[in-house]
Amino acid sequence: MRLPVTGVLIVTLVLAGCGRARESRLNPFNWFGRSEETTQTVTEGAVPGRPDDGRILIAQVTDLEVARQPGGAIVRASGLPPTQGWWNTDLVAENGGVPVDGVLTYRFVIAEPLTPNRASTPQSRELTAATYVSDIKLEGVSQIVVLGAENSRSSRR
């Protein structure tokens, strides 16, 4: 008679632990998912914290991926400038890298071409920028957003 009571107790404890695992960082379903596009118009302005930065927002953000790494994550975004030759990409954190209401926002900035170029195929113009975000900075973050001039992409967990 003791064996079934012990078995029921073990099953109960295991199931109770599964409920808590949903909030765990180890749960693979509790990580950032696929990105979603939002169409918007972002007003140009100086990048906070870098007033001398003459770069502008990329025209269109085409992809966003948040890849888990030891001690944090790599946020990688791809996008399309209007023509070929744009360079010096960067993901610049808004609000000094502090999340606002659980949202960590980056601006995808690029530098103008050194020589004028004509438009070309999207594949030849695609640019990528990435940044590392530590687990400490990700604490309390439920969404990561990357802004472009015509759209933004976001990934939620």
N, C-alpha and C. Protein backbone atom coordinates (compact mmCIF):
# COMPACT_ATOMS: atom_id res chain seq x y z
N MET A 1 0.81 -1.19 0.00
CA MET A 1 0.00 0.00 0.00
C MET A 1 0.86 1.26 0.00
N ARG A 2 2.05 1.21 0.56
CA ARG A 2 2.95 2.35 0.64
C ARG A 2 3.50 2.74 -0.74
N LEU A 3 3.72 1.79 -1.61
CA LEU A 3 4.28 2.06 -2.93
C LEU A 3 3.40 2.98 -3.77
N PRO A 4 2.09 2.78 -3.85
CA PRO A 4 1.27 3.69 -4.65
C PRO A 4 1.25 5.11 -4.07
N VAL A 5 1.26 5.26 -2.77
CA VAL A 5 1.25 6.60 -2.17
C VAL A 5 2.56 7.32 -2.51
N THR A 6 3.67 6.62 -2.43
CA THR A 6 4.96 7.20 -2.77
C THR A 6 5.00 7.58 -4.25
N GLY A 7 4.49 6.73 -5.11
CA GLY A 7 4.44 7.01 -6.54
C GLY A 7 3.60 8.24 -6.85
N VAL A 8 2.46 8.36 -6.21
CA VAL A 8 1.58 9.52 -6.42
C VAL A 8 2.27 10.79 -5.94
N LEU A 9 2.98 10.71 -4.82
CA LEU A 9 3.69 11.87 -4.30
C LEU A 9 4.80 12.31 -5.27
N ILE A 10 5.54 11.37 -5.83
CA ILE A 10 6.60 11.70 -6.79
C ILE A 10 6.03 12.34 -8.05
N VAL A 11 4.96 11.75 -8.59
CA VAL A 11 4.32 12.30 -9.78
C VAL A 11 3.80 13.72 -9.52
N THR A 12 3.23 13.94 -8.34
CA THR A 12 2.72 15.27 -7.99
C THR A 12 3.85 16.30 -7.94
N LEU A 13 4.97 15.92 -7.33
CA LEU A 13 6.10 16.84 -7.25
C LEU A 13 6.69 17.14 -8.62
N VAL A 14 6.79 16.14 -9.47
CA VAL A 14 7.33 16.34 -10.82
C VAL A 14 6.42 17.27 -11.62
N LEU A 15 5.11 17.05 -11.55
CA LEU A 15 4.17 17.90 -12.29
C LEU A 15 4.17 19.32 -11.75
N ALA A 16 4.32 19.50 -10.46
CA ALA A 16 4.39 20.84 -9.88
C ALA A 16 5.65 21.56 -10.39
N GLY A 17 6.74 20.83 -10.53
CA GLY A 17 7.98 21.40 -11.05
C GLY A 17 7.85 21.83 -12.50
N CYS A 18 7.04 21.11 -13.27
CA CYS A 18 6.83 21.47 -14.68
C CYS A 18 6.12 22.81 -14.81
N GLY A 19 5.21 23.10 -13.91
CA GLY A 19 4.51 24.38 -13.95
C GLY A 19 5.47 25.53 -13.73
N ARG A 20 6.43 25.38 -12.87
CA ARG A 20 7.42 26.40 -12.59
C ARG A 20 8.42 26.52 -13.74
N ALA A 21 8.67 25.43 -14.46
CA ALA A 21 9.66 25.42 -15.54
C ALA A 21 9.28 26.35 -16.67
N ARG A 22 8.01 26.71 -16.77
CA ARG A 22 7.59 27.60 -17.84
C ARG A 22 8.26 28.97 -17.70
N GLU A 23 8.58 29.37 -16.47
CA GLU A 23 9.23 30.64 -16.24
C GLU A 23 10.75 30.51 -16.24
N SER A 24 11.26 29.30 -16.33
CA SER A 24 12.69 29.06 -16.25
C SER A 24 13.42 29.49 -17.52
N ARG A 25 14.66 29.96 -17.36
CA ARG A 25 15.49 30.30 -18.51
C ARG A 25 15.92 29.06 -19.27
N LEU A 26 15.86 27.90 -18.61
CA LEU A 26 16.28 26.65 -19.24
C LEU A 26 15.21 26.08 -20.16
N ASN A 27 13.98 26.54 -20.03
CA ASN A 27 12.88 26.07 -20.85
C ASN A 27 13.06 26.60 -22.28
N PRO A 28 13.23 25.72 -23.29
CA PRO A 28 13.45 26.20 -24.65
C PRO A 28 12.26 26.95 -25.23
N PHE A 29 11.07 26.76 -24.68
CA PHE A 29 9.90 27.47 -25.18
C PHE A 29 9.79 28.86 -24.57
N ASN A 30 10.67 29.18 -23.63
CA ASN A 30 10.66 30.49 -22.98
C ASN A 30 11.75 31.38 -23.55
N TRP A 31 12.11 31.21 -24.81
CA TRP A 31 13.11 32.03 -25.44
C TRP A 31 12.45 32.83 -26.54
N PHE A 32 13.16 33.79 -27.11
CA PHE A 32 12.59 34.64 -28.13
C PHE A 32 12.21 33.83 -29.36
N GLY A 33 11.05 34.12 -29.91
CA GLY A 33 10.55 33.39 -31.07
C GLY A 33 10.87 34.10 -32.37
N ARG A 34 10.13 33.73 -33.39
CA ARG A 34 10.31 34.33 -34.72
C ARG A 34 9.93 35.80 -34.67
N SER A 35 10.57 36.57 -35.51
CA SER A 35 10.29 38.01 -35.51
C SER A 35 9.04 38.31 -36.32
N GLU A 36 8.44 39.44 -35.97
CA GLU A 36 7.25 39.93 -36.67
C GLU A 36 7.55 41.32 -37.19
N GLU A 37 7.00 41.65 -38.37
CA GLU A 37 7.22 42.96 -38.97
C GLU A 37 6.11 43.91 -38.58
N THR A 38 6.49 45.17 -38.34
CA THR A 38 5.55 46.24 -38.10
C THR A 38 5.88 47.36 -39.07
N THR A 39 4.91 47.83 -39.83
CA THR A 39 5.13 48.92 -40.76
C THR A 39 4.95 50.23 -40.01
N GLN A 40 5.88 51.14 -40.20
CA GLN A 40 5.84 52.41 -39.50
C GLN A 40 6.73 53.39 -40.20
N THR A 41 6.62 54.64 -39.81
CA THR A 41 7.53 55.66 -40.28
C THR A 41 8.22 56.22 -39.05
N VAL A 42 9.54 56.11 -39.02
CA VAL A 42 10.32 56.60 -37.88
C VAL A 42 10.91 57.93 -38.28
N THR A 43 10.76 58.92 -37.41
CA THR A 43 11.35 60.22 -37.69
C THR A 43 12.84 60.15 -37.43
N GLU A 44 13.60 60.72 -38.34
CA GLU A 44 15.05 60.73 -38.20
C GLU A 44 15.44 61.71 -37.11
N GLY A 45 16.54 61.46 -36.50
CA GLY A 45 17.06 62.35 -35.47
C GLY A 45 18.39 61.82 -35.00
N ALA A 46 18.98 62.54 -34.10
CA ALA A 46 20.26 62.10 -33.55
C ALA A 46 20.05 60.84 -32.73
N VAL A 47 21.02 59.96 -32.81
CA VAL A 47 20.97 58.73 -32.03
C VAL A 47 21.29 59.10 -30.59
N PRO A 48 20.39 58.73 -29.63
CA PRO A 48 20.64 59.10 -28.23
C PRO A 48 22.00 58.60 -27.76
N GLY A 49 22.72 59.48 -27.09
CA GLY A 49 24.02 59.12 -26.56
C GLY A 49 25.16 59.26 -27.56
N ARG A 50 24.84 59.52 -28.81
CA ARG A 50 25.86 59.67 -29.86
C ARG A 50 25.48 60.82 -30.79
N PRO A 51 25.51 62.05 -30.29
CA PRO A 51 25.05 63.17 -31.10
C PRO A 51 25.89 63.43 -32.35
N ASP A 52 27.16 62.97 -32.37
CA ASP A 52 28.01 63.20 -33.52
C ASP A 52 27.88 62.10 -34.58
N ASP A 53 27.02 61.13 -34.36
CA ASP A 53 26.85 60.00 -35.27
C ASP A 53 26.00 60.46 -36.46
N GLY A 54 26.61 60.52 -37.64
CA GLY A 54 25.90 60.99 -38.82
C GLY A 54 25.17 59.90 -39.58
N ARG A 55 25.14 58.69 -39.05
CA ARG A 55 24.47 57.59 -39.74
C ARG A 55 22.95 57.74 -39.65
N ILE A 56 22.28 57.11 -40.61
CA ILE A 56 20.82 57.17 -40.65
C ILE A 56 20.24 55.76 -40.50
N LEU A 57 18.92 55.69 -40.31
CA LEU A 57 18.26 54.39 -40.20
C LEU A 57 18.26 53.68 -41.54
N ILE A 58 18.44 52.37 -41.49
CA ILE A 58 18.34 51.56 -42.70
C ILE A 58 16.91 51.68 -43.24
N ALA A 59 16.74 51.58 -44.53
CA ALA A 59 15.41 51.75 -45.13
C ALA A 59 14.44 50.69 -44.63
N GLN A 60 14.83 49.42 -44.68
CA GLN A 60 13.91 48.33 -44.35
C GLN A 60 14.63 47.24 -43.57
N VAL A 61 14.07 46.86 -42.42
CA VAL A 61 14.60 45.74 -41.65
C VAL A 61 13.91 44.48 -42.17
N THR A 62 14.71 43.53 -42.70
CA THR A 62 14.13 42.35 -43.34
C THR A 62 14.13 41.11 -42.45
N ASP A 63 15.02 41.06 -41.45
CA ASP A 63 15.10 39.86 -40.61
C ASP A 63 15.64 40.24 -39.24
N LEU A 64 15.19 39.51 -38.23
CA LEU A 64 15.67 39.69 -36.86
C LEU A 64 15.75 38.32 -36.22
N GLU A 65 16.89 38.05 -35.60
CA GLU A 65 17.08 36.78 -34.91
C GLU A 65 17.73 37.05 -33.56
N VAL A 66 17.23 36.40 -32.52
CA VAL A 66 17.83 36.47 -31.19
C VAL A 66 18.34 35.07 -30.89
N ALA A 67 19.66 34.91 -30.89
CA ALA A 67 20.28 33.60 -30.71
C ALA A 67 20.90 33.50 -29.33
N ARG A 68 20.49 32.51 -28.59
CA ARG A 68 21.01 32.31 -27.24
C ARG A 68 22.49 31.93 -27.29
N GLN A 69 23.27 32.55 -26.42
CA GLN A 69 24.70 32.30 -26.29
C GLN A 69 25.01 32.17 -24.80
N PRO A 70 26.15 31.58 -24.44
CA PRO A 70 26.50 31.50 -23.03
C PRO A 70 26.56 32.89 -22.39
N GLY A 71 25.77 33.08 -21.36
CA GLY A 71 25.77 34.36 -20.65
C GLY A 71 24.92 35.44 -21.27
N GLY A 72 24.16 35.14 -22.32
CA GLY A 72 23.33 36.16 -22.95
C GLY A 72 22.78 35.74 -24.29
N ALA A 73 22.72 36.70 -25.21
CA ALA A 73 22.17 36.44 -26.54
C ALA A 73 22.81 37.37 -27.55
N ILE A 74 22.81 36.94 -28.81
CA ILE A 74 23.24 37.78 -29.91
C ILE A 74 21.99 38.20 -30.68
N VAL A 75 21.80 39.51 -30.78
CA VAL A 75 20.69 40.07 -31.56
C VAL A 75 21.27 40.40 -32.92
N ARG A 76 20.73 39.75 -33.97
CA ARG A 76 21.23 39.95 -35.33
C ARG A 76 20.09 40.40 -36.22
N ALA A 77 20.30 41.49 -36.93
CA ALA A 77 19.28 42.01 -37.84
C ALA A 77 19.88 42.19 -39.23
N SER A 78 19.06 41.96 -40.24
CA SER A 78 19.44 42.20 -41.63
C SER A 78 18.49 43.24 -42.21
N GLY A 79 18.98 43.99 -43.19
CA GLY A 79 18.12 45.01 -43.78
C GLY A 79 18.61 45.44 -45.14
N LEU A 80 17.77 46.26 -45.79
CA LEU A 80 18.06 46.75 -47.14
C LEU A 80 18.15 48.27 -47.16
N PRO A 81 19.30 48.81 -47.61
CA PRO A 81 19.39 50.25 -47.86
C PRO A 81 18.83 50.54 -49.26
N PRO A 82 18.65 51.81 -49.61
CA PRO A 82 18.06 52.13 -50.92
C PRO A 82 18.94 51.77 -52.11
N THR A 83 20.26 51.86 -51.97
CA THR A 83 21.18 51.55 -53.06
C THR A 83 22.35 50.76 -52.49
N GLN A 84 23.25 50.37 -53.36
CA GLN A 84 24.44 49.65 -52.93
C GLN A 84 25.49 50.63 -52.41
N GLY A 85 26.40 50.16 -51.56
CA GLY A 85 27.51 50.97 -51.10
C GLY A 85 27.37 51.49 -49.68
N TRP A 86 26.21 51.33 -49.06
CA TRP A 86 26.04 51.76 -47.68
C TRP A 86 26.88 50.85 -46.79
N TRP A 87 27.36 51.36 -45.66
CA TRP A 87 28.29 50.60 -44.84
C TRP A 87 28.22 51.06 -43.38
N ASN A 88 29.14 50.55 -42.55
CA ASN A 88 29.27 50.92 -41.14
C ASN A 88 27.97 50.71 -40.38
N THR A 89 27.47 49.49 -40.42
CA THR A 89 26.21 49.16 -39.76
C THR A 89 26.40 49.03 -38.26
N ASP A 90 25.32 49.25 -37.53
CA ASP A 90 25.35 49.09 -36.08
C ASP A 90 23.92 49.01 -35.56
N LEU A 91 23.75 48.28 -34.46
CA LEU A 91 22.50 48.30 -33.72
C LEU A 91 22.75 49.16 -32.50
N VAL A 92 22.14 50.34 -32.46
CA VAL A 92 22.35 51.30 -31.39
C VAL A 92 21.16 51.22 -30.43
N ALA A 93 21.47 50.93 -29.17
CA ALA A 93 20.41 50.78 -28.16
C ALA A 93 19.75 52.12 -27.86
N GLU A 94 18.44 52.11 -27.81
CA GLU A 94 17.67 53.27 -27.38
C GLU A 94 17.66 53.30 -25.85
N ASN A 95 17.43 54.43 -25.27
CA ASN A 95 17.29 54.60 -23.82
C ASN A 95 18.50 54.08 -23.06
N GLY A 96 19.68 54.20 -23.65
CA GLY A 96 20.89 53.74 -22.99
C GLY A 96 20.94 52.24 -22.77
N GLY A 97 20.18 51.49 -23.55
CA GLY A 97 20.15 50.04 -23.41
C GLY A 97 19.27 49.54 -22.29
N VAL A 98 18.47 50.42 -21.70
CA VAL A 98 17.56 50.04 -20.62
C VAL A 98 16.18 49.74 -21.22
N PRO A 99 15.61 48.57 -20.93
CA PRO A 99 14.28 48.26 -21.47
C PRO A 99 13.20 49.17 -20.87
N VAL A 100 12.22 49.51 -21.70
CA VAL A 100 11.08 50.31 -21.26
C VAL A 100 9.85 49.42 -21.33
N ASP A 101 9.21 49.18 -20.20
CA ASP A 101 8.04 48.29 -20.11
C ASP A 101 8.34 46.91 -20.71
N GLY A 102 9.56 46.40 -20.48
CA GLY A 102 9.93 45.08 -20.96
C GLY A 102 10.37 45.03 -22.41
N VAL A 103 10.48 46.21 -23.07
CA VAL A 103 10.86 46.26 -24.49
C VAL A 103 12.25 46.88 -24.62
N LEU A 104 13.17 46.12 -25.21
CA LEU A 104 14.53 46.58 -25.48
C LEU A 104 14.57 46.96 -26.96
N THR A 105 14.87 48.24 -27.25
CA THR A 105 14.78 48.76 -28.62
C THR A 105 16.15 49.15 -29.15
N TYR A 106 16.38 48.79 -30.41
CA TYR A 106 17.62 49.15 -31.12
C TYR A 106 17.27 49.87 -32.40
N ARG A 107 18.14 50.81 -32.82
CA ARG A 107 18.04 51.48 -34.11
C ARG A 107 19.10 50.86 -35.02
N PHE A 108 18.69 50.42 -36.21
CA PHE A 108 19.60 49.84 -37.19
C PHE A 108 20.12 51.00 -38.04
N VAL A 109 21.35 51.45 -37.77
CA VAL A 109 21.90 52.61 -38.47
C VAL A 109 22.98 52.20 -39.46
N ILE A 110 23.12 53.02 -40.52
CA ILE A 110 24.09 52.77 -41.58
C ILE A 110 24.69 54.10 -42.02
N ALA A 111 25.89 54.03 -42.61
CA ALA A 111 26.57 55.22 -43.13
C ALA A 111 26.38 55.28 -44.65
N GLU A 112 26.29 56.52 -45.16
CA GLU A 112 26.08 56.73 -46.59
C GLU A 112 27.28 56.23 -47.41
N PRO A 113 27.02 55.86 -48.67
CA PRO A 113 28.12 55.42 -49.54
C PRO A 113 29.14 56.54 -49.75
N LEU A 114 30.39 56.16 -49.94
CA LEU A 114 31.43 57.15 -50.19
C LEU A 114 31.35 57.68 -51.62
N THR A 115 30.84 56.85 -52.53
CA THR A 115 30.63 57.27 -53.92
C THR A 115 29.19 56.93 -54.29
N PRO A 116 28.57 57.73 -55.17
CA PRO A 116 27.19 57.45 -55.56
C PRO A 116 27.07 56.09 -56.25
N ASN A 117 26.04 55.37 -55.92
CA ASN A 117 25.78 54.07 -56.54
C ASN A 117 24.35 54.03 -57.02
N ARG A 118 24.13 53.19 -57.99
CA ARG A 118 22.76 53.03 -58.47
C ARG A 118 22.10 51.87 -57.74
N ALA A 119 20.82 51.78 -57.85
CA ALA A 119 20.07 50.69 -57.23
C ALA A 119 20.48 49.36 -57.85
N SER A 120 20.41 48.32 -57.08
CA SER A 120 20.77 47.00 -57.57
C SER A 120 19.83 45.97 -56.93
N THR A 121 20.15 44.71 -57.09
CA THR A 121 19.27 43.67 -56.56
C THR A 121 19.28 43.68 -55.03
N PRO A 122 18.15 43.32 -54.42
CA PRO A 122 18.10 43.28 -52.95
C PRO A 122 19.17 42.38 -52.34
N GLN A 123 19.48 41.26 -53.00
CA GLN A 123 20.47 40.34 -52.44
C GLN A 123 21.85 40.98 -52.36
N SER A 124 22.21 41.83 -53.31
CA SER A 124 23.53 42.44 -53.30
C SER A 124 23.61 43.64 -52.35
N ARG A 125 22.46 44.17 -51.94
CA ARG A 125 22.44 45.33 -51.04
C ARG A 125 22.31 44.93 -49.57
N GLU A 126 21.92 43.72 -49.27
CA GLU A 126 21.60 43.33 -47.89
C GLU A 126 22.77 43.56 -46.93
N LEU A 127 22.46 44.17 -45.79
CA LEU A 127 23.44 44.44 -44.75
C LEU A 127 23.00 43.75 -43.46
N THR A 128 23.98 43.43 -42.61
CA THR A 128 23.70 42.77 -41.34
C THR A 128 24.42 43.50 -40.22
N ALA A 129 23.76 43.60 -39.08
CA ALA A 129 24.37 44.17 -37.87
C ALA A 129 23.99 43.27 -36.70
N ALA A 130 24.87 43.21 -35.71
CA ALA A 130 24.59 42.36 -34.55
C ALA A 130 25.18 42.99 -33.29
N THR A 131 24.62 42.59 -32.16
CA THR A 131 25.13 43.04 -30.87
C THR A 131 24.90 41.94 -29.84
N TYR A 132 25.76 41.90 -28.84
CA TYR A 132 25.63 40.93 -27.76
C TYR A 132 24.91 41.60 -26.59
N VAL A 133 23.95 40.88 -26.01
CA VAL A 133 23.20 41.36 -24.85
C VAL A 133 23.37 40.33 -23.74
N SER A 134 23.83 40.77 -22.59
CA SER A 134 24.08 39.85 -21.48
C SER A 134 22.77 39.41 -20.83
N ASP A 135 22.82 38.28 -20.12
CA ASP A 135 21.66 37.80 -19.37
C ASP A 135 21.18 38.85 -18.37
N ILE A 136 22.10 39.60 -17.81
CA ILE A 136 21.73 40.64 -16.84
C ILE A 136 20.85 41.69 -17.52
N LYS A 137 21.23 42.13 -18.72
CA LYS A 137 20.42 43.12 -19.44
C LYS A 137 19.10 42.52 -19.94
N LEU A 138 19.09 41.21 -20.19
CA LEU A 138 17.87 40.56 -20.68
C LEU A 138 16.86 40.28 -19.57
N GLU A 139 17.29 40.42 -18.32
CA GLU A 139 16.38 40.19 -17.20
C GLU A 139 15.20 41.15 -17.30
N GLY A 140 14.02 40.62 -17.33
CA GLY A 140 12.81 41.45 -17.42
C GLY A 140 12.45 41.88 -18.83
N VAL A 141 13.23 41.48 -19.85
CA VAL A 141 12.92 41.84 -21.24
C VAL A 141 11.98 40.79 -21.82
N SER A 142 10.85 41.23 -22.34
CA SER A 142 9.90 40.32 -22.97
C SER A 142 9.84 40.50 -24.49
N GLN A 143 10.44 41.60 -24.98
CA GLN A 143 10.40 41.87 -26.42
C GLN A 143 11.64 42.66 -26.82
N ILE A 144 12.19 42.32 -27.99
CA ILE A 144 13.30 43.07 -28.58
C ILE A 144 12.82 43.63 -29.92
N VAL A 145 13.03 44.93 -30.13
CA VAL A 145 12.57 45.61 -31.34
C VAL A 145 13.77 46.23 -32.04
N VAL A 146 13.83 46.08 -33.37
CA VAL A 146 14.85 46.74 -34.19
C VAL A 146 14.12 47.67 -35.16
N LEU A 147 14.48 48.96 -35.10
CA LEU A 147 13.82 49.98 -35.91
C LEU A 147 14.57 50.27 -37.20
N GLY A 148 13.80 50.44 -38.28
CA GLY A 148 14.29 50.92 -39.56
C GLY A 148 13.48 52.15 -39.94
N ALA A 149 13.77 52.78 -41.07
CA ALA A 149 13.03 53.98 -41.48
C ALA A 149 11.60 53.66 -41.91
N GLU A 150 11.40 52.51 -42.61
CA GLU A 150 10.08 52.18 -43.13
C GLU A 150 9.35 51.14 -42.29
N ASN A 151 10.08 50.37 -41.50
CA ASN A 151 9.44 49.32 -40.72
C ASN A 151 10.30 48.98 -39.51
N SER A 152 9.80 48.07 -38.71
CA SER A 152 10.58 47.52 -37.60
C SER A 152 10.25 46.04 -37.50
N ARG A 153 11.11 45.30 -36.82
CA ARG A 153 10.85 43.89 -36.56
C ARG A 153 11.01 43.69 -35.07
N SER A 154 10.20 42.77 -34.54
CA SER A 154 10.27 42.50 -33.10
C SER A 154 10.19 41.00 -32.87
N SER A 155 10.79 40.60 -31.76
CA SER A 155 10.77 39.21 -31.34
C SER A 155 10.36 39.19 -29.87
N ARG A 156 9.40 38.32 -29.54
CA ARG A 156 8.87 38.23 -28.17
C ARG A 156 9.22 36.89 -27.55
N ARG A 157 9.19 36.89 -26.22
CA ARG A 157 9.29 35.62 -25.52
C ARG A 157 8.14 35.48 -24.55
